[in-house]
Amino acid sequence: MNHKNADKIIANYKPHKGFFDLSEKPKSLSKIEYEKVLDLQNLITHENDRRDYIKKHNPHSWQQLQEYAAQLQQIIFRHWGDKVFDEVSP
C-alpha cells in the first residue's frame, strides 16, 4: 500500500454502526498501519452484512472473519486504549 492509496482510504473512512469509531488516528500508528486497520474494519463490517450466508456456505471464511475480528480488537485495545469504553458509533 502506498501513501496515495492510504490517503484515499483514510479520507473515505466513515464510522460503522455498532463498531468502534476509528476516525481519530493514534500517534502510535503510521499512516500506512492506520490505513490497514481501517481497511480491516471495513472488510469485517462488509462481511458482517453477509454473515448468515458465509456461515452456511463457507465456514472456513467465517472462521477467518472471526480471526480478523479478534486481531482488530487487539489492535484497537493496543492503540486506542481506554477510548474503547466510550460509546460505539450510533
N, C-alpha and C. Protein backbone atom coordinates (compact mmCIF):
# COMPACT_ATOMS: atom_id res chain seq x y z
N MET A 1 0.86 -1.18 0.00
CA MET A 1 0.00 0.00 0.00
C MET A 1 0.90 1.23 0.00
N ASN A 2 0.60 2.17 -0.86
CA ASN A 2 1.38 3.40 -0.90
C ASN A 2 0.62 4.53 -0.21
N HIS A 3 1.30 5.66 -0.05
CA HIS A 3 0.70 6.78 0.69
C HIS A 3 -0.53 7.36 -0.02
N LYS A 4 -0.55 7.34 -1.34
CA LYS A 4 -1.68 7.88 -2.08
C LYS A 4 -2.94 7.05 -1.81
N ASN A 5 -2.81 5.72 -1.87
CA ASN A 5 -3.94 4.84 -1.57
C ASN A 5 -4.35 4.95 -0.11
N ALA A 6 -3.36 5.06 0.77
CA ALA A 6 -3.65 5.20 2.20
C ALA A 6 -4.44 6.48 2.45
N ASP A 7 -4.03 7.58 1.82
CA ASP A 7 -4.74 8.85 1.97
C ASP A 7 -6.20 8.72 1.53
N LYS A 8 -6.43 8.00 0.45
CA LYS A 8 -7.79 7.83 -0.07
C LYS A 8 -8.65 7.03 0.92
N ILE A 9 -8.12 5.94 1.43
CA ILE A 9 -8.87 5.11 2.38
C ILE A 9 -9.15 5.89 3.66
N ILE A 10 -8.17 6.62 4.14
CA ILE A 10 -8.35 7.42 5.36
C ILE A 10 -9.39 8.51 5.12
N ALA A 11 -9.31 9.19 4.00
CA ALA A 11 -10.26 10.27 3.71
C ALA A 11 -11.68 9.76 3.55
N ASN A 12 -11.85 8.55 3.05
CA ASN A 12 -13.18 8.00 2.81
C ASN A 12 -13.74 7.20 3.98
N TYR A 13 -12.99 7.09 5.06
CA TYR A 13 -13.46 6.30 6.20
C TYR A 13 -14.68 6.96 6.85
N LYS A 14 -15.68 6.15 7.09
CA LYS A 14 -16.88 6.57 7.83
C LYS A 14 -17.10 5.55 8.95
N PRO A 15 -17.39 6.02 10.16
CA PRO A 15 -17.65 5.08 11.26
C PRO A 15 -18.81 4.15 10.90
N HIS A 16 -18.71 2.92 11.37
CA HIS A 16 -19.73 1.91 11.10
C HIS A 16 -20.59 1.70 12.34
N LYS A 17 -21.89 1.64 12.12
CA LYS A 17 -22.84 1.44 13.21
C LYS A 17 -22.50 0.15 13.96
N GLY A 18 -22.38 0.28 15.28
CA GLY A 18 -22.11 -0.87 16.12
C GLY A 18 -20.64 -1.23 16.24
N PHE A 19 -19.77 -0.48 15.58
CA PHE A 19 -18.33 -0.73 15.62
C PHE A 19 -17.62 0.48 16.21
N PHE A 20 -16.42 0.25 16.74
CA PHE A 20 -15.63 1.32 17.31
C PHE A 20 -15.26 2.33 16.24
N ASP A 21 -15.42 3.61 16.55
CA ASP A 21 -15.11 4.70 15.62
C ASP A 21 -13.59 4.89 15.56
N LEU A 22 -13.02 4.62 14.41
CA LEU A 22 -11.57 4.72 14.22
C LEU A 22 -11.16 6.02 13.53
N SER A 23 -12.03 7.01 13.54
CA SER A 23 -11.78 8.26 12.81
C SER A 23 -10.52 8.97 13.26
N GLU A 24 -10.17 8.86 14.51
CA GLU A 24 -9.00 9.56 15.04
C GLU A 24 -7.79 8.63 15.02
N LYS A 25 -6.77 8.98 14.24
CA LYS A 25 -5.56 8.16 14.14
C LYS A 25 -4.71 8.31 15.39
N PRO A 26 -4.39 7.19 16.03
CA PRO A 26 -3.50 7.28 17.19
C PRO A 26 -2.06 7.60 16.75
N LYS A 27 -1.33 8.28 17.59
CA LYS A 27 0.05 8.64 17.28
C LYS A 27 0.94 7.41 17.16
N SER A 28 0.52 6.31 17.77
CA SER A 28 1.34 5.10 17.78
C SER A 28 1.30 4.33 16.45
N LEU A 29 0.47 4.75 15.50
CA LEU A 29 0.38 4.09 14.21
C LEU A 29 0.88 5.00 13.10
N SER A 30 1.61 4.43 12.16
CA SER A 30 1.99 5.19 10.97
C SER A 30 0.75 5.32 10.08
N LYS A 31 0.84 6.16 9.08
CA LYS A 31 -0.29 6.35 8.17
C LYS A 31 -0.65 5.02 7.48
N ILE A 32 0.35 4.27 7.06
CA ILE A 32 0.12 3.00 6.37
C ILE A 32 -0.50 1.98 7.33
N GLU A 33 -0.01 1.92 8.56
CA GLU A 33 -0.59 1.00 9.55
C GLU A 33 -2.04 1.37 9.85
N TYR A 34 -2.29 2.67 9.99
CA TYR A 34 -3.64 3.15 10.27
C TYR A 34 -4.58 2.78 9.12
N GLU A 35 -4.12 2.96 7.90
CA GLU A 35 -4.92 2.61 6.73
C GLU A 35 -5.26 1.12 6.74
N LYS A 36 -4.31 0.29 7.13
CA LYS A 36 -4.56 -1.16 7.18
C LYS A 36 -5.62 -1.50 8.23
N VAL A 37 -5.61 -0.79 9.35
CA VAL A 37 -6.62 -1.01 10.39
C VAL A 37 -8.00 -0.61 9.87
N LEU A 38 -8.07 0.55 9.23
CA LEU A 38 -9.35 0.99 8.66
C LEU A 38 -9.85 0.00 7.62
N ASP A 39 -8.95 -0.46 6.78
CA ASP A 39 -9.30 -1.41 5.73
C ASP A 39 -9.81 -2.73 6.34
N LEU A 40 -9.17 -3.17 7.41
CA LEU A 40 -9.60 -4.39 8.10
C LEU A 40 -11.00 -4.22 8.67
N GLN A 41 -11.26 -3.08 9.31
CA GLN A 41 -12.60 -2.86 9.86
C GLN A 41 -13.63 -2.78 8.73
N ASN A 42 -13.29 -2.13 7.64
CA ASN A 42 -14.21 -2.06 6.50
C ASN A 42 -14.54 -3.45 5.98
N LEU A 43 -13.53 -4.30 5.87
CA LEU A 43 -13.75 -5.67 5.42
C LEU A 43 -14.68 -6.42 6.37
N ILE A 44 -14.40 -6.32 7.66
CA ILE A 44 -15.21 -7.03 8.65
C ILE A 44 -16.66 -6.55 8.62
N THR A 45 -16.87 -5.24 8.54
CA THR A 45 -18.24 -4.73 8.53
C THR A 45 -18.97 -5.14 7.26
N HIS A 46 -18.27 -5.15 6.14
CA HIS A 46 -18.89 -5.58 4.89
C HIS A 46 -19.29 -7.05 4.96
N GLU A 47 -18.39 -7.88 5.43
CA GLU A 47 -18.67 -9.31 5.52
C GLU A 47 -19.70 -9.61 6.61
N ASN A 48 -19.75 -8.79 7.62
CA ASN A 48 -20.74 -8.97 8.68
C ASN A 48 -22.16 -8.89 8.14
N ASP A 49 -22.35 -8.07 7.13
CA ASP A 49 -23.67 -7.95 6.49
C ASP A 49 -24.09 -9.25 5.80
N ARG A 50 -23.10 -10.10 5.47
CA ARG A 50 -23.37 -11.36 4.79
C ARG A 50 -23.11 -12.57 5.68
N ARG A 51 -23.06 -12.36 6.98
CA ARG A 51 -22.62 -13.41 7.90
C ARG A 51 -23.44 -14.68 7.83
N ASP A 52 -24.74 -14.59 7.69
CA ASP A 52 -25.56 -15.80 7.62
C ASP A 52 -25.20 -16.64 6.39
N TYR A 53 -25.03 -15.99 5.28
CA TYR A 53 -24.64 -16.69 4.06
C TYR A 53 -23.27 -17.32 4.22
N ILE A 54 -22.33 -16.56 4.75
CA ILE A 54 -20.96 -17.06 4.91
C ILE A 54 -20.92 -18.24 5.86
N LYS A 55 -21.62 -18.14 6.98
CA LYS A 55 -21.66 -19.26 7.94
C LYS A 55 -22.14 -20.54 7.28
N LYS A 56 -23.17 -20.42 6.47
CA LYS A 56 -23.80 -21.59 5.85
C LYS A 56 -22.98 -22.15 4.69
N HIS A 57 -22.48 -21.28 3.82
CA HIS A 57 -21.88 -21.73 2.58
C HIS A 57 -20.35 -21.72 2.56
N ASN A 58 -19.74 -21.05 3.51
CA ASN A 58 -18.28 -21.01 3.53
C ASN A 58 -17.77 -20.89 4.97
N PRO A 59 -17.88 -21.98 5.74
CA PRO A 59 -17.48 -21.94 7.14
C PRO A 59 -16.02 -21.55 7.35
N HIS A 60 -15.16 -21.91 6.40
CA HIS A 60 -13.75 -21.53 6.52
C HIS A 60 -13.60 -20.00 6.49
N SER A 61 -14.32 -19.35 5.59
CA SER A 61 -14.29 -17.88 5.53
C SER A 61 -14.86 -17.27 6.80
N TRP A 62 -15.88 -17.89 7.35
CA TRP A 62 -16.47 -17.39 8.60
C TRP A 62 -15.44 -17.47 9.73
N GLN A 63 -14.71 -18.58 9.78
CA GLN A 63 -13.67 -18.73 10.81
C GLN A 63 -12.58 -17.68 10.61
N GLN A 64 -12.19 -17.44 9.37
CA GLN A 64 -11.18 -16.42 9.08
C GLN A 64 -11.67 -15.03 9.49
N LEU A 65 -12.92 -14.75 9.24
CA LEU A 65 -13.50 -13.47 9.61
C LEU A 65 -13.48 -13.28 11.13
N GLN A 66 -13.76 -14.35 11.86
CA GLN A 66 -13.70 -14.28 13.32
C GLN A 66 -12.27 -13.99 13.80
N GLU A 67 -11.29 -14.59 13.14
CA GLU A 67 -9.90 -14.33 13.48
C GLU A 67 -9.51 -12.88 13.18
N TYR A 68 -9.99 -12.36 12.07
CA TYR A 68 -9.73 -10.95 11.74
C TYR A 68 -10.35 -10.03 12.79
N ALA A 69 -11.57 -10.36 13.22
CA ALA A 69 -12.24 -9.54 14.23
C ALA A 69 -11.46 -9.55 15.54
N ALA A 70 -10.93 -10.71 15.92
CA ALA A 70 -10.13 -10.80 17.15
C ALA A 70 -8.85 -9.98 17.01
N GLN A 71 -8.21 -10.05 15.84
CA GLN A 71 -7.00 -9.26 15.61
C GLN A 71 -7.30 -7.76 15.68
N LEU A 72 -8.41 -7.37 15.06
CA LEU A 72 -8.80 -5.96 15.09
C LEU A 72 -9.05 -5.49 16.52
N GLN A 73 -9.72 -6.32 17.30
CA GLN A 73 -10.00 -5.96 18.69
C GLN A 73 -8.69 -5.74 19.45
N GLN A 74 -7.71 -6.60 19.26
CA GLN A 74 -6.42 -6.44 19.93
C GLN A 74 -5.72 -5.15 19.50
N ILE A 75 -5.78 -4.85 18.22
CA ILE A 75 -5.16 -3.62 17.70
C ILE A 75 -5.84 -2.40 18.31
N ILE A 76 -7.15 -2.43 18.38
CA ILE A 76 -7.89 -1.29 18.94
C ILE A 76 -7.54 -1.10 20.41
N PHE A 77 -7.52 -2.16 21.18
CA PHE A 77 -7.15 -2.04 22.60
C PHE A 77 -5.73 -1.49 22.74
N ARG A 78 -4.82 -1.95 21.89
CA ARG A 78 -3.42 -1.53 21.99
C ARG A 78 -3.24 -0.06 21.62
N HIS A 79 -3.92 0.40 20.59
CA HIS A 79 -3.64 1.74 20.08
C HIS A 79 -4.67 2.80 20.46
N TRP A 80 -5.88 2.43 20.79
CA TRP A 80 -6.90 3.40 21.18
C TRP A 80 -7.14 3.40 22.68
N GLY A 81 -6.64 2.39 23.39
CA GLY A 81 -6.68 2.33 24.84
C GLY A 81 -8.07 2.46 25.44
N ASP A 82 -8.19 3.31 26.45
CA ASP A 82 -9.44 3.46 27.21
C ASP A 82 -10.59 4.02 26.39
N LYS A 83 -10.30 4.56 25.23
CA LYS A 83 -11.38 5.09 24.38
C LYS A 83 -12.36 3.99 23.96
N VAL A 84 -11.93 2.74 24.05
CA VAL A 84 -12.80 1.64 23.65
C VAL A 84 -14.01 1.54 24.56
N PHE A 85 -13.92 2.13 25.74
CA PHE A 85 -15.04 2.06 26.68
C PHE A 85 -16.05 3.17 26.45
N ASP A 86 -15.73 4.08 25.53
CA ASP A 86 -16.70 5.10 25.14
C ASP A 86 -17.76 4.44 24.28
N GLU A 87 -18.78 5.17 24.00
CA GLU A 87 -19.90 4.66 23.19
C GLU A 87 -19.43 4.32 21.77
N VAL A 88 -19.95 3.21 21.21
CA VAL A 88 -19.66 2.86 19.81
C VAL A 88 -20.46 3.75 18.89
N SER A 89 -20.10 3.76 17.63
CA SER A 89 -20.79 4.60 16.65
C SER A 89 -22.27 4.28 16.61
N PRO A 90 -23.12 5.31 16.58
CA PRO A 90 -24.58 5.07 16.55
C PRO A 90 -25.01 4.42 15.25
